[in-house]
Amino acid sequence: MLKLDANKNLSRIEAESGMHIFSIWGYTNQLIYVVGGENDALYKNYKWEIINDPLVNTLYRIKGQNYNDVFGISSLGTILHFNGYNWGSINVPVENIFLELNVKGNVIASVGWRGEEAAITIIRRNQG
């Protein structure tokens, strides 16, 4: 992986052996989530930490807004949220296969498909 810092310096981060990378999201240059395959990981303080949580089996996409507001799409077709301490599943009342997601403010948007149709899922979080 290559990392571009605030001063536009490019540096290399060595991935762990056997790591498959499907998606990357970073909060700072010392807090980077890497997901894919069977080794979802966090690059924290210049070291890799494997995410060992039974809920996080395999994530295909990851996006966030803050270190305690991170979202992922799992291989089980669920949307997960990390609050800084724990991962939790977001209840989505549709049977979509999610492919991509984005988050801004209190809105989480995901695209994918249901059967043979394209599907867009919009989730609005409650404030409070």
C-alpha atoms as a PDB file:
ATOM      1  CA  MET A   1       0.000   0.000   0.000  1.00  0.00           C
ATOM      2  CA  LEU A   2       1.085   3.572  -0.570  1.00  0.00           C
ATOM      3  CA  LYS A   3       0.302   6.386   1.862  1.00  0.00           C
ATOM      4  CA  LEU A   4       0.259  10.082   0.959  1.00  0.00           C
ATOM      5  CA  ASP A   5       0.701  12.361   3.988  1.00  0.00           C
ATOM      6  CA  ALA A   6      -0.361  15.994   4.517  1.00  0.00           C
ATOM      7  CA  ASN A   7       2.984  17.199   3.116  1.00  0.00           C
ATOM      8  CA  LYS A   8       2.412  15.174  -0.078  1.00  0.00           C
ATOM      9  CA  ASN A   9       5.152  12.689   0.829  1.00  0.00           C
ATOM     10  CA  LEU A  10       4.565   9.187  -0.460  1.00  0.00           C
ATOM     11  CA  SER A  11       5.536   6.233   1.716  1.00  0.00           C
ATOM     12  CA  ARG A  12       4.975   2.503   1.590  1.00  0.00           C
ATOM     13  CA  ILE A  13       3.092   0.440   4.174  1.00  0.00           C
ATOM     14  CA  GLU A  14       3.866  -3.262   3.985  1.00  0.00           C
ATOM     15  CA  ALA A  15       0.747  -5.420   4.114  1.00  0.00           C
ATOM     16  CA  GLU A  16       0.749  -8.576   6.201  1.00  0.00           C
ATOM     17  CA  SER A  17       1.565 -11.776   4.348  1.00  0.00           C
ATOM     18  CA  GLY A  18      -1.538 -13.309   2.762  1.00  0.00           C
ATOM     19  CA  MET A  19      -3.626 -10.161   3.208  1.00  0.00           C
ATOM     20  CA  HIS A  20      -6.220  -9.512   0.497  1.00  0.00           C
ATOM     21  CA  ILE A  21      -7.231  -5.880   0.193  1.00  0.00           C
ATOM     22  CA  PHE A  22     -10.723  -5.030  -1.079  1.00  0.00           C
ATOM     23  CA  SER A  23     -11.217  -1.652   0.594  1.00  0.00           C
ATOM     24  CA  ILE A  24      -9.225   0.882   2.640  1.00  0.00           C
ATOM     25  CA  TRP A  25     -10.368   3.759   4.831  1.00  0.00           C
ATOM     26  CA  GLY A  26      -8.187   5.870   7.083  1.00  0.00           C
ATOM     27  CA  TYR A  27      -8.928   8.397   9.789  1.00  0.00           C
ATOM     28  CA  THR A  28      -5.315   9.514  10.179  1.00  0.00           C
ATOM     29  CA  ASN A  29      -2.036   8.290   8.749  1.00  0.00           C
ATOM     30  CA  GLN A  30      -1.699   6.157  11.888  1.00  0.00           C
ATOM     31  CA  LEU A  31      -5.238   4.709  11.933  1.00  0.00           C
ATOM     32  CA  ILE A  32      -6.095   2.871   8.708  1.00  0.00           C
ATOM     33  CA  TYR A  33      -8.681   0.104   8.234  1.00  0.00           C
ATOM     34  CA  VAL A  34      -7.981  -2.512   5.570  1.00  0.00           C
ATOM     35  CA  VAL A  35     -10.602  -5.125   4.744  1.00  0.00           C
ATOM     36  CA  GLY A  36     -10.886  -8.121   2.448  1.00  0.00           C
ATOM     37  CA  GLY A  37     -10.381 -11.837   2.421  1.00  0.00           C
ATOM     38  CA  GLU A  38     -10.146 -13.390   5.859  1.00  0.00           C
ATOM     39  CA  ASN A  39      -7.831 -10.831   7.450  1.00  0.00           C
ATOM     40  CA  ASP A  40      -9.665  -7.617   8.202  1.00  0.00           C
ATOM     41  CA  ALA A  41      -7.092  -5.451   9.928  1.00  0.00           C
ATOM     42  CA  LEU A  42      -6.348  -2.107  11.486  1.00  0.00           C
ATOM     43  CA  TYR A  43      -3.043  -0.319  10.907  1.00  0.00           C
ATOM     44  CA  LYS A  44      -2.591   1.506  14.200  1.00  0.00           C
ATOM     45  CA  ASN A  45       0.522   3.304  15.418  1.00  0.00           C
ATOM     46  CA  TYR A  46       2.639   1.744  12.641  1.00  0.00           C
ATOM     47  CA  LYS A  47       1.586  -1.858  13.476  1.00  0.00           C
ATOM     48  CA  TRP A  48      -1.046  -4.210  12.080  1.00  0.00           C
ATOM     49  CA  GLU A  49      -3.809  -5.501  14.364  1.00  0.00           C
ATOM     50  CA  ILE A  50      -6.137  -8.225  13.078  1.00  0.00           C
ATOM     51  CA  ILE A  51      -9.799  -7.456  13.836  1.00  0.00           C
ATOM     52  CA  ASN A  52     -10.902 -10.459  15.891  1.00  0.00           C
ATOM     53  CA  ASP A  53     -14.645 -10.038  16.216  1.00  0.00           C
ATOM     54  CA  PRO A  54     -17.096 -12.828  15.315  1.00  0.00           C
ATOM     55  CA  LEU A  55     -19.471 -10.257  13.809  1.00  0.00           C
ATOM     56  CA  VAL A  56     -16.757  -9.069  11.422  1.00  0.00           C
ATOM     57  CA  ASN A  57     -16.255 -12.252   9.411  1.00  0.00           C
ATOM     58  CA  THR A  58     -15.159 -10.671   6.160  1.00  0.00           C
ATOM     59  CA  LEU A  59     -15.735  -7.067   5.209  1.00  0.00           C
ATOM     60  CA  TYR A  60     -15.787  -6.073   1.546  1.00  0.00           C
ATOM     61  CA  ARG A  61     -16.154  -2.313   1.912  1.00  0.00           C
ATOM     62  CA  ILE A  62     -15.310   0.119   4.681  1.00  0.00           C
ATOM     63  CA  LYS A  63     -16.018   3.842   5.077  1.00  0.00           C
ATOM     64  CA  GLY A  64     -16.136   6.188   8.005  1.00  0.00           C
ATOM     65  CA  GLN A  65     -16.320   9.731   9.275  1.00  0.00           C
ATOM     66  CA  ASN A  66     -14.348   9.419  12.481  1.00  0.00           C
ATOM     67  CA  TYR A  67     -12.404   6.805  14.434  1.00  0.00           C
ATOM     68  CA  ASN A  68     -15.636   5.986  16.296  1.00  0.00           C
ATOM     69  CA  ASP A  69     -18.004   6.125  13.318  1.00  0.00           C
ATOM     70  CA  VAL A  70     -16.936   3.445  10.829  1.00  0.00           C
ATOM     71  CA  PHE A  71     -19.208   1.347   8.587  1.00  0.00           C
ATOM     72  CA  GLY A  72     -18.573  -1.871   6.693  1.00  0.00           C
ATOM     73  CA  ILE A  73     -20.373  -4.287   4.385  1.00  0.00           C
ATOM     74  CA  SER A  74     -19.867  -7.900   5.434  1.00  0.00           C
ATOM     75  CA  SER A  75     -19.795 -11.067   3.359  1.00  0.00           C
ATOM     76  CA  LEU A  76     -23.091 -12.029   5.015  1.00  0.00           C
ATOM     77  CA  GLY A  77     -24.739  -9.041   3.328  1.00  0.00           C
ATOM     78  CA  THR A  78     -25.050  -6.981   6.479  1.00  0.00           C
ATOM     79  CA  ILE A  79     -24.052  -3.403   7.212  1.00  0.00           C
ATOM     80  CA  LEU A  80     -21.929  -3.082  10.331  1.00  0.00           C
ATOM     81  CA  HIS A  81     -21.041  -0.053  12.467  1.00  0.00           C
ATOM     82  CA  PHE A  82     -17.991   0.460  14.700  1.00  0.00           C
ATOM     83  CA  ASN A  83     -18.509   2.961  17.539  1.00  0.00           C
ATOM     84  CA  GLY A  84     -14.892   3.084  18.677  1.00  0.00           C
ATOM     85  CA  TYR A  85     -15.265   0.097  21.004  1.00  0.00           C
ATOM     86  CA  ASN A  86     -17.532  -2.528  19.408  1.00  0.00           C
ATOM     87  CA  TRP A  87     -18.896  -3.614  16.055  1.00  0.00           C
ATOM     88  CA  GLY A  88     -22.677  -3.845  15.744  1.00  0.00           C
ATOM     89  CA  SER A  89     -25.075  -4.857  13.001  1.00  0.00           C
ATOM     90  CA  ILE A  90     -27.458  -2.295  11.502  1.00  0.00           C
ATOM     91  CA  ASN A  91     -30.955  -3.652  10.986  1.00  0.00           C
ATOM     92  CA  VAL A  92     -31.802  -3.214   7.304  1.00  0.00           C
ATOM     93  CA  PRO A  93     -35.333  -4.459   6.522  1.00  0.00           C
ATOM     94  CA  VAL A  94     -34.561  -5.476   2.922  1.00  0.00           C
ATOM     95  CA  GLU A  95     -32.889  -8.514   1.393  1.00  0.00           C
ATOM     96  CA  ASN A  96     -30.317  -6.668  -0.708  1.00  0.00           C
ATOM     97  CA  ILE A  97     -26.833  -7.769  -1.618  1.00  0.00           C
ATOM     98  CA  PHE A  98     -24.713  -4.725  -0.823  1.00  0.00           C
ATOM     99  CA  LEU A  99     -21.775  -3.840  -3.045  1.00  0.00           C
ATOM    100  CA  GLU A 100     -20.685  -0.320  -2.061  1.00  0.00           C
ATOM    101  CA  LEU A 101     -21.455   2.188   0.654  1.00  0.00           C
ATOM    102  CA  ASN A 102     -20.864   5.782   1.593  1.00  0.00           C
ATOM    103  CA  VAL A 103     -21.618   7.813   4.679  1.00  0.00           C
ATOM    104  CA  LYS A 104     -22.091  11.528   5.269  1.00  0.00           C
ATOM    105  CA  GLY A 105     -23.523  13.032   8.404  1.00  0.00           C
ATOM    106  CA  ASN A 106     -26.476  10.926   9.503  1.00  0.00           C
ATOM    107  CA  VAL A 107     -27.035   9.281   6.110  1.00  0.00           C
ATOM    108  CA  ILE A 108     -25.644   5.902   5.062  1.00  0.00           C
ATOM    109  CA  ALA A 109     -26.172   5.009   1.398  1.00  0.00           C
ATOM    110  CA  SER A 110     -25.519   1.601  -0.077  1.00  0.00           C
ATOM    111  CA  VAL A 111     -25.908   0.230  -3.583  1.00  0.00           C
ATOM    112  CA  GLY A 112     -26.188  -3.342  -4.729  1.00  0.00           C
ATOM    113  CA  TRP A 113     -28.913  -5.604  -6.036  1.00  0.00           C
ATOM    114  CA  ARG A 114     -31.952  -7.653  -5.082  1.00  0.00           C
ATOM    115  CA  GLY A 115     -32.643 -10.548  -7.380  1.00  0.00           C
ATOM    116  CA  GLU A 116     -32.025  -9.181 -10.850  1.00  0.00           C
ATOM    117  CA  GLU A 117     -32.700  -5.540 -10.010  1.00  0.00           C
ATOM    118  CA  ALA A 118     -30.376  -2.759  -8.934  1.00  0.00           C
ATOM    119  CA  ALA A 119     -31.061  -1.521  -5.413  1.00  0.00           C
ATOM    120  CA  ILE A 120     -30.198   1.606  -3.460  1.00  0.00           C
ATOM    121  CA  THR A 121     -30.634   1.580   0.306  1.00  0.00           C
ATOM    122  CA  ILE A 122     -30.657   4.848   2.262  1.00  0.00           C
ATOM    123  CA  ILE A 123     -30.458   4.738   6.053  1.00  0.00           C
ATOM    124  CA  ARG A 124     -30.979   7.836   8.163  1.00  0.00           C
ATOM    125  CA  ARG A 125     -29.666   7.744  11.708  1.00  0.00           C
ATOM    126  CA  ASN A 126     -31.643   9.235  14.565  1.00  0.00           C
ATOM    127  CA  GLN A 127     -30.072  12.194  16.285  1.00  0.00           C
ATOM    128  CA  GLY A 128     -30.174  11.600  19.959  1.00  0.00           C
END
